[in-house]
Amino acid sequence: MEAAAAGRDMFEEIVMAEERFHGEGYQEGYADGSHVGVVEGRRYGSLLGAKIGSEIGFYLGFALTWQCLFQKCTDEKNNKKRRALDYLIRMIQKFPYEDPTYDKLQEDLEKIRGKFKQRHTAF
């Protein structure tokens, strides 16, 4: 009887080994995948953040340059353009650079892009 029980236990261990190895492999794969996902997400976020920062910096440089050019002009037409540039500069300065969790980040970025396009075509 003991030999039959020992044979059954050994057979059970063999059958259960596949299930155990499958579970262990899944856990190891999940942990490795999670780590790789975090690293890849961080890299992609840094790249996208740098791209947005570069774009915003370009817009600010554009606005500040034209603001300097319009300082000597005092006619009403140029005053209107200067006020529009001031508004664009204020929008850019209020943009939340350090808060990636800001829920209206894309909306504000689209507003800045739109205002830049308006100013760009006006000049």
PDB file of N, CA and C in Angstrom:
ATOM      1  N   MET A   1       0.806  -1.185   0.000  1.00  0.00           N
ATOM      2  CA  MET A   1       0.000   0.000   0.000  1.00  0.00           C
ATOM      3  C   MET A   1       0.858   1.261   0.000  1.00  0.00           C
ATOM      4  N   GLU A   2       1.927   1.178   0.788  1.00  0.00           N
ATOM      5  CA  GLU A   2       2.801   2.352   0.849  1.00  0.00           C
ATOM      6  C   GLU A   2       3.461   2.608  -0.486  1.00  0.00           C
ATOM      7  N   ALA A   3       3.797   1.588  -1.206  1.00  0.00           N
ATOM      8  CA  ALA A   3       4.429   1.750  -2.519  1.00  0.00           C
ATOM      9  C   ALA A   3       3.451   2.410  -3.490  1.00  0.00           C
ATOM     10  N   ALA A   4       2.174   2.041  -3.424  1.00  0.00           N
ATOM     11  CA  ALA A   4       1.173   2.638  -4.303  1.00  0.00           C
ATOM     12  C   ALA A   4       0.965   4.113  -3.949  1.00  0.00           C
ATOM     13  N   ALA A   5       0.953   4.404  -2.648  1.00  0.00           N
ATOM     14  CA  ALA A   5       0.782   5.784  -2.203  1.00  0.00           C
ATOM     15  C   ALA A   5       1.993   6.630  -2.612  1.00  0.00           C
ATOM     16  N   ALA A   6       3.193   6.056  -2.477  1.00  0.00           N
ATOM     17  CA  ALA A   6       4.409   6.783  -2.857  1.00  0.00           C
ATOM     18  C   ALA A   6       4.429   7.021  -4.361  1.00  0.00           C
ATOM     19  N   GLY A   7       3.981   6.038  -5.154  1.00  0.00           N
ATOM     20  CA  GLY A   7       3.917   6.187  -6.606  1.00  0.00           C
ATOM     21  C   GLY A   7       2.926   7.260  -7.006  1.00  0.00           C
ATOM     22  N   ARG A   8       1.776   7.293  -6.290  1.00  0.00           N
ATOM     23  CA  ARG A   8       0.759   8.296  -6.576  1.00  0.00           C
ATOM     24  C   ARG A   8       1.273   9.695  -6.225  1.00  0.00           C
ATOM     25  N   ASP A   9       1.978   9.821  -5.075  1.00  0.00           N
ATOM     26  CA  ASP A   9       2.541  11.117  -4.676  1.00  0.00           C
ATOM     27  C   ASP A   9       3.573  11.606  -5.689  1.00  0.00           C
ATOM     28  N   MET A  10       4.397  10.675  -6.162  1.00  0.00           N
ATOM     29  CA  MET A  10       5.408  11.037  -7.135  1.00  0.00           C
ATOM     30  C   MET A  10       4.745  11.463  -8.457  1.00  0.00           C
ATOM     31  N   PHE A  11       3.708  10.759  -8.864  1.00  0.00           N
ATOM     32  CA  PHE A  11       2.980  11.101 -10.078  1.00  0.00           C
ATOM     33  C   PHE A  11       2.302  12.464  -9.918  1.00  0.00           C
ATOM     34  N   GLU A  12       1.738  12.709  -8.728  1.00  0.00           N
ATOM     35  CA  GLU A  12       1.096  13.998  -8.451  1.00  0.00           C
ATOM     36  C   GLU A  12       2.105  15.141  -8.503  1.00  0.00           C
ATOM     37  N   GLU A  13       3.297  14.892  -7.975  1.00  0.00           N
ATOM     38  CA  GLU A  13       4.343  15.920  -8.012  1.00  0.00           C
ATOM     39  C   GLU A  13       4.723  16.259  -9.442  1.00  0.00           C
ATOM     40  N   ILE A  14       4.795  15.238 -10.306  1.00  0.00           N
ATOM     41  CA  ILE A  14       5.141  15.468 -11.704  1.00  0.00           C
ATOM     42  C   ILE A  14       4.049  16.280 -12.388  1.00  0.00           C
ATOM     43  N   VAL A  15       2.790  15.895 -12.161  1.00  0.00           N
ATOM     44  CA  VAL A  15       1.667  16.613 -12.767  1.00  0.00           C
ATOM     45  C   VAL A  15       1.590  18.036 -12.230  1.00  0.00           C
ATOM     46  N   MET A  16       1.773  18.200 -10.952  1.00  0.00           N
ATOM     47  CA  MET A  16       1.671  19.519 -10.336  1.00  0.00           C
ATOM     48  C   MET A  16       2.888  20.401 -10.648  1.00  0.00           C
ATOM     49  N   ALA A  17       4.031  19.781 -11.014  1.00  0.00           N
ATOM     50  CA  ALA A  17       5.227  20.554 -11.331  1.00  0.00           C
ATOM     51  C   ALA A  17       4.966  21.466 -12.516  1.00  0.00           C
ATOM     52  N   GLU A  18       4.257  20.946 -13.521  1.00  0.00           N
ATOM     53  CA  GLU A  18       3.949  21.777 -14.686  1.00  0.00           C
ATOM     54  C   GLU A  18       3.127  22.993 -14.286  1.00  0.00           C
ATOM     55  N   GLU A  19       2.146  22.782 -13.445  1.00  0.00           N
ATOM     56  CA  GLU A  19       1.304  23.894 -12.986  1.00  0.00           C
ATOM     57  C   GLU A  19       2.111  24.867 -12.138  1.00  0.00           C
ATOM     58  N   ARG A  20       2.971  24.349 -11.281  1.00  0.00           N
ATOM     59  CA  ARG A  20       3.807  25.188 -10.422  1.00  0.00           C
ATOM     60  C   ARG A  20       4.783  26.019 -11.265  1.00  0.00           C
ATOM     61  N   PHE A  21       5.433  25.358 -12.243  1.00  0.00           N
ATOM     62  CA  PHE A  21       6.371  26.074 -13.110  1.00  0.00           C
ATOM     63  C   PHE A  21       5.657  27.128 -13.958  1.00  0.00           C
ATOM     64  N   HIS A  22       4.467  26.821 -14.391  1.00  0.00           N
ATOM     65  CA  HIS A  22       3.679  27.776 -15.154  1.00  0.00           C
ATOM     66  C   HIS A  22       3.385  29.006 -14.296  1.00  0.00           C
ATOM     67  N   GLY A  23       2.975  28.795 -13.060  1.00  0.00           N
ATOM     68  CA  GLY A  23       2.683  29.904 -12.145  1.00  0.00           C
ATOM     69  C   GLY A  23       3.916  30.732 -11.838  1.00  0.00           C
ATOM     70  N   GLU A  24       5.046  30.061 -11.595  1.00  0.00           N
ATOM     71  CA  GLU A  24       6.293  30.779 -11.312  1.00  0.00           C
ATOM     72  C   GLU A  24       6.755  31.574 -12.533  1.00  0.00           C
ATOM     73  N   GLY A  25       6.645  30.957 -13.700  1.00  0.00           N
ATOM     74  CA  GLY A  25       7.033  31.646 -14.931  1.00  0.00           C
ATOM     75  C   GLY A  25       6.168  32.866 -15.187  1.00  0.00           C
ATOM     76  N   TYR A  26       4.879  32.733 -14.907  1.00  0.00           N
ATOM     77  CA  TYR A  26       3.972  33.870 -15.078  1.00  0.00           C
ATOM     78  C   TYR A  26       4.366  35.015 -14.154  1.00  0.00           C
ATOM     79  N   GLN A  27       4.645  34.694 -12.893  1.00  0.00           N
ATOM     80  CA  GLN A  27       5.018  35.738 -11.927  1.00  0.00           C
ATOM     81  C   GLN A  27       6.316  36.433 -12.335  1.00  0.00           C
ATOM     82  N   GLU A  28       7.318  35.637 -12.764  1.00  0.00           N
ATOM     83  CA  GLU A  28       8.585  36.235 -13.195  1.00  0.00           C
ATOM     84  C   GLU A  28       8.384  37.108 -14.439  1.00  0.00           C
ATOM     85  N   GLY A  29       7.612  36.621 -15.393  1.00  0.00           N
ATOM     86  CA  GLY A  29       7.339  37.385 -16.608  1.00  0.00           C
ATOM     87  C   GLY A  29       6.578  38.667 -16.322  1.00  0.00           C
ATOM     88  N   TYR A  30       5.622  38.577 -15.407  1.00  0.00           N
ATOM     89  CA  TYR A  30       4.841  39.761 -15.042  1.00  0.00           C
ATOM     90  C   TYR A  30       5.733  40.806 -14.388  1.00  0.00           C
ATOM     91  N   ALA A  31       6.613  40.365 -13.481  1.00  0.00           N
ATOM     92  CA  ALA A  31       7.516  41.301 -12.804  1.00  0.00           C
ATOM     93  C   ALA A  31       8.479  41.944 -13.807  1.00  0.00           C
ATOM     94  N   ASP A  32       9.050  41.139 -14.712  1.00  0.00           N
ATOM     95  CA  ASP A  32       9.961  41.687 -15.722  1.00  0.00           C
ATOM     96  C   ASP A  32       9.236  42.649 -16.655  1.00  0.00           C
ATOM     97  N   GLY A  33       8.043  42.282 -17.077  1.00  0.00           N
ATOM     98  CA  GLY A  33       7.254  43.141 -17.960  1.00  0.00           C
ATOM     99  C   GLY A  33       6.873  44.447 -17.296  1.00  0.00           C
ATOM    100  N   SER A  34       6.536  44.388 -16.018  1.00  0.00           N
ATOM    101  CA  SER A  34       6.187  45.613 -15.293  1.00  0.00           C
ATOM    102  C   SER A  34       7.387  46.552 -15.217  1.00  0.00           C
ATOM    103  N   HIS A  35       8.547  45.985 -14.939  1.00  0.00           N
ATOM    104  CA  HIS A  35       9.763  46.802 -14.849  1.00  0.00           C
ATOM    105  C   HIS A  35      10.078  47.448 -16.199  1.00  0.00           C
ATOM    106  N   VAL A  36      10.039  46.655 -17.258  1.00  0.00           N
ATOM    107  CA  VAL A  36      10.323  47.174 -18.595  1.00  0.00           C
ATOM    108  C   VAL A  36       9.288  48.235 -18.973  1.00  0.00           C
ATOM    109  N   GLY A  37       8.029  48.035 -18.613  1.00  0.00           N
ATOM    110  CA  GLY A  37       6.975  49.005 -18.916  1.00  0.00           C
ATOM    111  C   GLY A  37       7.205  50.337 -18.225  1.00  0.00           C
ATOM    112  N   VAL A  38       7.653  50.287 -16.982  1.00  0.00           N
ATOM    113  CA  VAL A  38       7.929  51.524 -16.244  1.00  0.00           C
ATOM    114  C   VAL A  38       9.094  52.271 -16.880  1.00  0.00           C
ATOM    115  N   VAL A  39      10.147  51.543 -17.226  1.00  0.00           N
ATOM    116  CA  VAL A  39      11.327  52.175 -17.846  1.00  0.00           C
ATOM    117  C   VAL A  39      10.944  52.780 -19.192  1.00  0.00           C
ATOM    118  N   GLU A  40      10.213  52.036 -19.999  1.00  0.00           N
ATOM    119  CA  GLU A  40       9.806  52.530 -21.311  1.00  0.00           C
ATOM    120  C   GLU A  40       8.862  53.728 -21.182  1.00  0.00           C
ATOM    121  N   GLY A  41       7.942  53.668 -20.233  1.00  0.00           N
ATOM    122  CA  GLY A  41       7.020  54.780 -20.003  1.00  0.00           C
ATOM    123  C   GLY A  41       7.748  56.033 -19.549  1.00  0.00           C
ATOM    124  N   ARG A  42       8.725  55.873 -18.693  1.00  0.00           N
ATOM    125  CA  ARG A  42       9.507  57.024 -18.225  1.00  0.00           C
ATOM    126  C   ARG A  42      10.280  57.645 -19.389  1.00  0.00           C
ATOM    127  N   ARG A  43      10.878  56.804 -20.222  1.00  0.00           N
ATOM    128  CA  ARG A  43      11.640  57.299 -21.373  1.00  0.00           C
ATOM    129  C   ARG A  43      10.717  58.034 -22.350  1.00  0.00           C
ATOM    130  N   TYR A  44       9.559  57.466 -22.628  1.00  0.00           N
ATOM    131  CA  TYR A  44       8.613  58.096 -23.551  1.00  0.00           C
ATOM    132  C   TYR A  44       8.094  59.414 -22.971  1.00  0.00           C
ATOM    133  N   GLY A  45       7.795  59.425 -21.665  1.00  0.00           N
ATOM    134  CA  GLY A  45       7.325  60.647 -21.020  1.00  0.00           C
ATOM    135  C   GLY A  45       8.372  61.752 -21.051  1.00  0.00           C
ATOM    136  N   SER A  46       9.626  61.389 -20.844  1.00  0.00           N
ATOM    137  CA  SER A  46      10.701  62.385 -20.906  1.00  0.00           C
ATOM    138  C   SER A  46      10.839  62.949 -22.319  1.00  0.00           C
ATOM    139  N   LEU A  47      10.751  62.080 -23.304  1.00  0.00           N
ATOM    140  CA  LEU A  47      10.857  62.518 -24.691  1.00  0.00           C
ATOM    141  C   LEU A  47       9.704  63.446 -25.065  1.00  0.00           C
ATOM    142  N   LEU A  48       8.500  63.057 -24.695  1.00  0.00           N
ATOM    143  CA  LEU A  48       7.331  63.883 -25.008  1.00  0.00           C
ATOM    144  C   LEU A  48       7.366  65.205 -24.247  1.00  0.00           C
ATOM    145  N   GLY A  49       7.793  65.168 -22.983  1.00  0.00           N
ATOM    146  CA  GLY A  49       7.909  66.394 -22.194  1.00  0.00           C
ATOM    147  C   GLY A  49       8.937  67.354 -22.794  1.00  0.00           C
ATOM    148  N   ALA A  50      10.056  66.808 -23.270  1.00  0.00           N
ATOM    149  CA  ALA A  50      11.076  67.654 -23.898  1.00  0.00           C
ATOM    150  C   ALA A  50      10.541  68.268 -25.196  1.00  0.00           C
ATOM    151  N   LYS A  51       9.771  67.496 -25.925  1.00  0.00           N
ATOM    152  CA  LYS A  51       9.196  68.009 -27.182  1.00  0.00           C
ATOM    153  C   LYS A  51       8.219  69.153 -26.903  1.00  0.00           C
ATOM    154  N   ILE A  52       7.369  68.980 -25.909  1.00  0.00           N
ATOM    155  CA  ILE A  52       6.411  70.029 -25.554  1.00  0.00           C
ATOM    156  C   ILE A  52       7.146  71.258 -25.020  1.00  0.00           C
ATOM    157  N   GLY A  53       8.159  71.046 -24.194  1.00  0.00           N
ATOM    158  CA  GLY A  53       8.944  72.165 -23.669  1.00  0.00           C
ATOM    159  C   GLY A  53       9.643  72.947 -24.774  1.00  0.00           C
ATOM    160  N   SER A  54      10.156  72.234 -25.755  1.00  0.00           N
ATOM    161  CA  SER A  54      10.801  72.891 -26.886  1.00  0.00           C
ATOM    162  C   SER A  54       9.790  73.711 -27.687  1.00  0.00           C
ATOM    163  N   GLU A  55       8.619  73.151 -27.885  1.00  0.00           N
ATOM    164  CA  GLU A  55       7.566  73.855 -28.624  1.00  0.00           C
ATOM    165  C   GLU A  55       7.135  75.127 -27.893  1.00  0.00           C
ATOM    166  N   ILE A  56       6.911  75.012 -26.584  1.00  0.00           N
ATOM    167  CA  ILE A  56       6.499  76.169 -25.784  1.00  0.00           C
ATOM    168  C   ILE A  56       7.612  77.219 -25.775  1.00  0.00           C
ATOM    169  N   GLY A  57       8.857  76.779 -25.683  1.00  0.00           N
ATOM    170  CA  GLY A  57       9.990  77.711 -25.718  1.00  0.00           C
ATOM    171  C   GLY A  57      10.080  78.459 -27.036  1.00  0.00           C
ATOM    172  N   PHE A  58       9.781  77.758 -28.124  1.00  0.00           N
ATOM    173  CA  PHE A  58       9.769  78.414 -29.437  1.00  0.00           C
ATOM    174  C   PHE A  58       8.704  79.502 -29.477  1.00  0.00           C
ATOM    175  N   TYR A  59       7.518  79.181 -28.977  1.00  0.00           N
ATOM    176  CA  TYR A  59       6.427  80.160 -28.974  1.00  0.00           C
ATOM    177  C   TYR A  59       6.789  81.374 -28.125  1.00  0.00           C
ATOM    178  N   LEU A  60       7.398  81.127 -26.973  1.00  0.00           N
ATOM    179  CA  LEU A  60       7.783  82.238 -26.098  1.00  0.00           C
ATOM    180  C   LEU A  60       8.852  83.098 -26.758  1.00  0.00           C
ATOM    181  N   GLY A  61       9.828  82.466 -27.393  1.00  0.00           N
ATOM    182  CA  GLY A  61      10.863  83.224 -28.105  1.00  0.00           C
ATOM    183  C   GLY A  61      10.287  84.081 -29.213  1.00  0.00           C
ATOM    184  N   PHE A  62       9.339  83.509 -29.949  1.00  0.00           N
ATOM    185  CA  PHE A  62       8.652  84.251 -31.008  1.00  0.00           C
ATOM    186  C   PHE A  62       7.957  85.483 -30.431  1.00  0.00           C
ATOM    187  N   ALA A  63       7.189  85.267 -29.373  1.00  0.00           N
ATOM    188  CA  ALA A  63       6.405  86.357 -28.784  1.00  0.00           C
ATOM    189  C   ALA A  63       7.304  87.438 -28.189  1.00  0.00           C
ATOM    190  N   LEU A  64       8.349  87.045 -27.504  1.00  0.00           N
ATOM    191  CA  LEU A  64       9.241  88.034 -26.897  1.00  0.00           C
ATOM    192  C   LEU A  64      10.000  88.837 -27.957  1.00  0.00           C
ATOM    193  N   THR A  65      10.386  88.172 -29.028  1.00  0.00           N
ATOM    194  CA  THR A  65      11.082  88.877 -30.108  1.00  0.00           C
ATOM    195  C   THR A  65      10.182  89.931 -30.735  1.00  0.00           C
ATOM    196  N   TRP A  66       8.965  89.553 -31.062  1.00  0.00           N
ATOM    197  CA  TRP A  66       8.036  90.516 -31.667  1.00  0.00           C
ATOM    198  C   TRP A  66       7.651  91.611 -30.675  1.00  0.00           C
ATOM    199  N   GLN A  67       7.574  91.264 -29.406  1.00  0.00           N
ATOM    200  CA  GLN A  67       7.260  92.269 -28.389  1.00  0.00           C
ATOM    201  C   GLN A  67       8.360  93.337 -28.365  1.00  0.00           C
ATOM    202  N   CYS A  68       9.595  92.903 -28.445  1.00  0.00           N
ATOM    203  CA  CYS A  68      10.714  93.865 -28.481  1.00  0.00           C
ATOM    204  C   CYS A  68      10.665  94.720 -29.750  1.00  0.00           C
ATOM    205  N   LEU A  69      10.304  94.122 -30.861  1.00  0.00           N
ATOM    206  CA  LEU A  69      10.230  94.873 -32.116  1.00  0.00           C
ATOM    207  C   LEU A  69       9.112  95.914 -32.103  1.00  0.00           C
ATOM    208  N   PHE A  70       8.033  95.626 -31.369  1.00  0.00           N
ATOM    209  CA  PHE A  70       6.890  96.538 -31.321  1.00  0.00           C
ATOM    210  C   PHE A  70       7.009  97.598 -30.228  1.00  0.00           C
ATOM    211  N   GLN A  71       8.038  97.577 -29.423  1.00  0.00           N
ATOM    212  CA  GLN A  71       8.158  98.546 -28.333  1.00  0.00           C
ATOM    213  C   GLN A  71       8.247  99.981 -28.836  1.00  0.00           C
ATOM    214  N   LYS A  72       8.893 100.195 -29.949  1.00  0.00           N
ATOM    215  CA  LYS A  72       9.084 101.553 -30.464  1.00  0.00           C
ATOM    216  C   LYS A  72       7.890 102.038 -31.277  1.00  0.00           C
ATOM    217  N   CYS A  73       7.024 101.120 -31.668  1.00  0.00           N
ATOM    218  CA  CYS A  73       5.846 101.501 -32.464  1.00  0.00           C
ATOM    219  C   CYS A  73       4.715 101.889 -31.522  1.00  0.00           C
ATOM    220  N   THR A  74       4.112 103.043 -31.788  1.00  0.00           N
ATOM    221  CA  THR A  74       3.072 103.534 -30.879  1.00  0.00           C
ATOM    222  C   THR A  74       1.707 103.677 -31.530  1.00  0.00           C
ATOM    223  N   ASP A  75       1.572 103.342 -32.794  1.00  0.00           N
ATOM    224  CA  ASP A  75       0.265 103.493 -33.433  1.00  0.00           C
ATOM    225  C   ASP A  75      -0.707 102.408 -32.937  1.00  0.00           C
ATOM    226  N   GLU A  76      -1.988 102.638 -33.155  1.00  0.00           N
ATOM    227  CA  GLU A  76      -3.046 101.775 -32.609  1.00  0.00           C
ATOM    228  C   GLU A  76      -2.968 100.355 -33.162  1.00  0.00           C
ATOM    229  N   LYS A  77      -2.650 100.228 -34.421  1.00  0.00           N
ATOM    230  CA  LYS A  77      -2.572  98.900 -35.042  1.00  0.00           C
ATOM    231  C   LYS A  77      -1.520  98.042 -34.339  1.00  0.00           C
ATOM    232  N   ASN A  78      -0.372  98.632 -34.078  1.00  0.00           N
ATOM    233  CA  ASN A  78       0.706  97.892 -33.409  1.00  0.00           C
ATOM    234  C   ASN A  78       0.413  97.684 -31.923  1.00  0.00           C
ATOM    235  N   ASN A  79      -0.325  98.603 -31.299  1.00  0.00           N
ATOM    236  CA  ASN A  79      -0.718  98.413 -29.905  1.00  0.00           C
ATOM    237  C   ASN A  79      -1.601  97.178 -29.763  1.00  0.00           C
ATOM    238  N   LYS A  80      -2.488  96.987 -30.717  1.00  0.00           N
ATOM    239  CA  LYS A  80      -3.364  95.815 -30.694  1.00  0.00           C
ATOM    240  C   LYS A  80      -2.536  94.530 -30.830  1.00  0.00           C
ATOM    241  N   LYS A  81      -1.556  94.543 -31.705  1.00  0.00           N
ATOM    242  CA  LYS A  81      -0.680  93.372 -31.872  1.00  0.00           C
ATOM    243  C   LYS A  81       0.134  93.132 -30.602  1.00  0.00           C
ATOM    244  N   ARG A  82       0.589  94.216 -29.991  1.00  0.00           N
ATOM    245  CA  ARG A  82       1.380  94.087 -28.761  1.00  0.00           C
ATOM    246  C   ARG A  82       0.537  93.491 -27.632  1.00  0.00           C
ATOM    247  N   ARG A  83      -0.702  93.924 -27.527  1.00  0.00           N
ATOM    248  CA  ARG A  83      -1.593  93.360 -26.491  1.00  0.00           C
ATOM    249  C   ARG A  83      -1.837  91.866 -26.734  1.00  0.00           C
ATOM    250  N   ALA A  84      -1.997  91.492 -27.987  1.00  0.00           N
ATOM    251  CA  ALA A  84      -2.186  90.078 -28.317  1.00  0.00           C
ATOM    252  C   ALA A  84      -0.937  89.267 -27.957  1.00  0.00           C
ATOM    253  N   LEU A  85       0.235  89.845 -28.203  1.00  0.00           N
ATOM    254  CA  LEU A  85       1.482  89.175 -27.820  1.00  0.00           C
ATOM    255  C   LEU A  85       1.598  89.055 -26.306  1.00  0.00           C
ATOM    256  N   ASP A  86       1.202  90.114 -25.604  1.00  0.00           N
ATOM    257  CA  ASP A  86       1.230  90.068 -24.139  1.00  0.00           C
ATOM    258  C   ASP A  86       0.331  88.954 -23.615  1.00  0.00           C
ATOM    259  N   TYR A  87      -0.817  88.795 -24.242  1.00  0.00           N
ATOM    260  CA  TYR A  87      -1.744  87.735 -23.845  1.00  0.00           C
ATOM    261  C   TYR A  87      -1.127  86.358 -24.090  1.00  0.00           C
ATOM    262  N   LEU A  88      -0.471  86.181 -25.241  1.00  0.00           N
ATOM    263  CA  LEU A  88       0.197  84.913 -25.540  1.00  0.00           C
ATOM    264  C   LEU A  88       1.304  84.635 -24.528  1.00  0.00           C
ATOM    265  N   ILE A  89       2.062  85.650 -24.184  1.00  0.00           N
ATOM    266  CA  ILE A  89       3.147  85.485 -23.205  1.00  0.00           C
ATOM    267  C   ILE A  89       2.581  85.092 -21.845  1.00  0.00           C
ATOM    268  N   ARG A  90       1.490  85.728 -21.428  1.00  0.00           N
ATOM    269  CA  ARG A  90       0.866  85.372 -20.144  1.00  0.00           C
ATOM    270  C   ARG A  90       0.369  83.927 -20.159  1.00  0.00           C
ATOM    271  N   MET A  91      -0.208  83.502 -21.280  1.00  0.00           N
ATOM    272  CA  MET A  91      -0.677  82.112 -21.385  1.00  0.00           C
ATOM    273  C   MET A  91       0.490  81.140 -21.234  1.00  0.00           C
ATOM    274  N   ILE A  92       1.600  81.458 -21.882  1.00  0.00           N
ATOM    275  CA  ILE A  92       2.774  80.584 -21.817  1.00  0.00           C
ATOM    276  C   ILE A  92       3.348  80.567 -20.403  1.00  0.00           C
ATOM    277  N   GLN A  93       3.391  81.731 -19.754  1.00  0.00           N
ATOM    278  CA  GLN A  93       3.948  81.794 -18.402  1.00  0.00           C
ATOM    279  C   GLN A  93       3.080  81.065 -17.384  1.00  0.00           C
ATOM    280  N   LYS A  94       1.781  80.971 -17.640  1.00  0.00           N
ATOM    281  CA  LYS A  94       0.879  80.251 -16.732  1.00  0.00           C
ATOM    282  C   LYS A  94       0.857  78.750 -17.002  1.00  0.00           C
ATOM    283  N   PHE A  95       1.473  78.317 -18.084  1.00  0.00           N
ATOM    284  CA  PHE A  95       1.460  76.904 -18.445  1.00  0.00           C
ATOM    285  C   PHE A  95       2.172  76.089 -17.366  1.00  0.00           C
ATOM    286  N   PRO A  96       1.554  74.994 -16.894  1.00  0.00           N
ATOM    287  CA  PRO A  96       2.126  74.219 -15.779  1.00  0.00           C
ATOM    288  C   PRO A  96       3.243  73.269 -16.241  1.00  0.00           C
ATOM    289  N   TYR A  97       4.468  73.769 -16.305  1.00  0.00           N
ATOM    290  CA  TYR A  97       5.596  72.963 -16.778  1.00  0.00           C
ATOM    291  C   TYR A  97       5.909  71.782 -15.866  1.00  0.00           C
ATOM    292  N   GLU A  98       5.820  71.971 -14.567  1.00  0.00           N
ATOM    293  CA  GLU A  98       6.247  70.943 -13.618  1.00  0.00           C
ATOM    294  C   GLU A  98       5.139  70.013 -13.163  1.00  0.00           C
ATOM    295  N   ASP A  99       3.930  70.169 -13.663  1.00  0.00           N
ATOM    296  CA  ASP A  99       2.821  69.337 -13.197  1.00  0.00           C
ATOM    297  C   ASP A  99       2.249  68.497 -14.341  1.00  0.00           C
ATOM    298  N   PRO A 100       2.807  67.292 -14.552  1.00  0.00           N
ATOM    299  CA  PRO A 100       2.303  66.451 -15.645  1.00  0.00           C
ATOM    300  C   PRO A 100       0.920  65.876 -15.367  1.00  0.00           C
ATOM    301  N   THR A 101       0.441  65.984 -14.141  1.00  0.00           N
ATOM    302  CA  THR A 101      -0.882  65.455 -13.805  1.00  0.00           C
ATOM    303  C   THR A 101      -1.980  66.502 -13.971  1.00  0.00           C
ATOM    304  N   TYR A 102      -1.615  67.695 -14.401  1.00  0.00           N
ATOM    305  CA  TYR A 102      -2.583  68.764 -14.623  1.00  0.00           C
ATOM    306  C   TYR A 102      -3.602  68.296 -15.656  1.00  0.00           C
ATOM    307  N   ASP A 103      -4.872  68.290 -15.277  1.00  0.00           N
ATOM    308  CA  ASP A 103      -5.898  67.675 -16.124  1.00  0.00           C
ATOM    309  C   ASP A 103      -6.225  68.466 -17.386  1.00  0.00           C
ATOM    310  N   LYS A 104      -5.880  69.735 -17.445  1.00  0.00           N
ATOM    311  CA  LYS A 104      -6.180  70.537 -18.639  1.00  0.00           C
ATOM    312  C   LYS A 104      -4.908  70.866 -19.425  1.00  0.00           C
ATOM    313  N   LEU A 105      -3.894  70.050 -19.282  1.00  0.00           N
ATOM    314  CA  LEU A 105      -2.611  70.284 -19.938  1.00  0.00           C
ATOM    315  C   LEU A 105      -2.770  70.343 -21.455  1.00  0.00           C
ATOM    316  N   GLN A 106      -3.438  69.365 -22.040  1.00  0.00           N
ATOM    317  CA  GLN A 106      -3.613  69.339 -23.492  1.00  0.00           C
ATOM    318  C   GLN A 106      -4.485  70.494 -23.978  1.00  0.00           C
ATOM    319  N   GLU A 107      -5.526  70.805 -23.210  1.00  0.00           N
ATOM    320  CA  GLU A 107      -6.403  71.923 -23.593  1.00  0.00           C
ATOM    321  C   GLU A 107      -5.632  73.238 -23.615  1.00  0.00           C
ATOM    322  N   ASP A 108      -4.846  73.485 -22.575  1.00  0.00           N
ATOM    323  CA  ASP A 108      -4.059  74.725 -22.514  1.00  0.00           C
ATOM    324  C   ASP A 108      -3.019  74.769 -23.631  1.00  0.00           C
ATOM    325  N   LEU A 109      -2.421  73.628 -23.912  1.00  0.00           N
ATOM    326  CA  LEU A 109      -1.434  73.569 -24.987  1.00  0.00           C
ATOM    327  C   LEU A 109      -2.087  73.870 -26.334  1.00  0.00           C
ATOM    328  N   GLU A 110      -3.275  73.356 -26.549  1.00  0.00           N
ATOM    329  CA  GLU A 110      -3.994  73.647 -27.798  1.00  0.00           C
ATOM    330  C   GLU A 110      -4.372  75.127 -27.901  1.00  0.00           C
ATOM    331  N   LYS A 111      -4.735  75.743 -26.774  1.00  0.00           N
ATOM    332  CA  LYS A 111      -5.049  77.176 -26.778  1.00  0.00           C
ATOM    333  C   LYS A 111      -3.811  78.000 -27.141  1.00  0.00           C
ATOM    334  N   ILE A 112      -2.672  77.622 -26.586  1.00  0.00           N
ATOM    335  CA  ILE A 112      -1.422  78.335 -26.888  1.00  0.00           C
ATOM    336  C   ILE A 112      -1.079  78.162 -28.364  1.00  0.00           C
ATOM    337  N   ARG A 113      -1.231  76.944 -28.870  1.00  0.00           N
ATOM    338  CA  ARG A 113      -0.958  76.707 -30.294  1.00  0.00           C
ATOM    339  C   ARG A 113      -1.869  77.559 -31.174  1.00  0.00           C
ATOM    340  N   GLY A 114      -3.142  77.599 -30.810  1.00  0.00           N
ATOM    341  CA  GLY A 114      -4.091  78.401 -31.588  1.00  0.00           C
ATOM    342  C   GLY A 114      -3.764  79.879 -31.565  1.00  0.00           C
ATOM    343  N   LYS A 115      -3.429  80.380 -30.377  1.00  0.00           N
ATOM    344  CA  LYS A 115      -3.081  81.798 -30.255  1.00  0.00           C
ATOM    345  C   LYS A 115      -1.799  82.104 -31.029  1.00  0.00           C
ATOM    346  N   PHE A 116      -0.841  81.185 -30.991  1.00  0.00           N
ATOM    347  CA  PHE A 116       0.391  81.374 -31.754  1.00  0.00           C
ATOM    348  C   PHE A 116       0.083  81.430 -33.256  1.00  0.00           C
ATOM    349  N   LYS A 117      -0.751  80.531 -33.722  1.00  0.00           N
ATOM    350  CA  LYS A 117      -1.100  80.526 -35.157  1.00  0.00           C
ATOM    351  C   LYS A 117      -1.772  81.834 -35.565  1.00  0.00           C
ATOM    352  N   GLN A 118      -2.627  82.369 -34.693  1.00  0.00           N
ATOM    353  CA  GLN A 118      -3.263  83.658 -34.977  1.00  0.00           C
ATOM    354  C   GLN A 118      -2.216  84.757 -35.108  1.00  0.00           C
ATOM    355  N   ARG A 119      -1.308  84.792 -34.135  1.00  0.00           N
ATOM    356  CA  ARG A 119      -0.284  85.839 -34.131  1.00  0.00           C
ATOM    357  C   ARG A 119       0.678  85.654 -35.301  1.00  0.00           C
ATOM    358  N   HIS A 120       1.023  84.424 -35.580  1.00  0.00           N
ATOM    359  CA  HIS A 120       1.987  84.142 -36.653  1.00  0.00           C
ATOM    360  C   HIS A 120       1.446  84.607 -38.002  1.00  0.00           C
ATOM    361  N   THR A 121       0.172  84.359 -38.258  1.00  0.00           N
ATOM    362  CA  THR A 121      -0.398  84.782 -39.545  1.00  0.00           C
ATOM    363  C   THR A 121      -0.611  86.295 -39.589  1.00  0.00           C
ATOM    364  N   ALA A 122      -0.771  86.929 -38.449  1.00  0.00           N
ATOM    365  CA  ALA A 122      -1.001  88.382 -38.419  1.00  0.00           C
ATOM    366  C   ALA A 122       0.293  89.147 -38.733  1.00  0.00           C
ATOM    367  N   PHE A 123       1.419  88.529 -38.504  1.00  0.00           N
ATOM    368  CA  PHE A 123       2.686  89.220 -38.734  1.00  0.00           C
ATOM    369  C   PHE A 123       3.208  88.836 -40.093  1.00  0.00           C
TER     370      PHE A 123
END
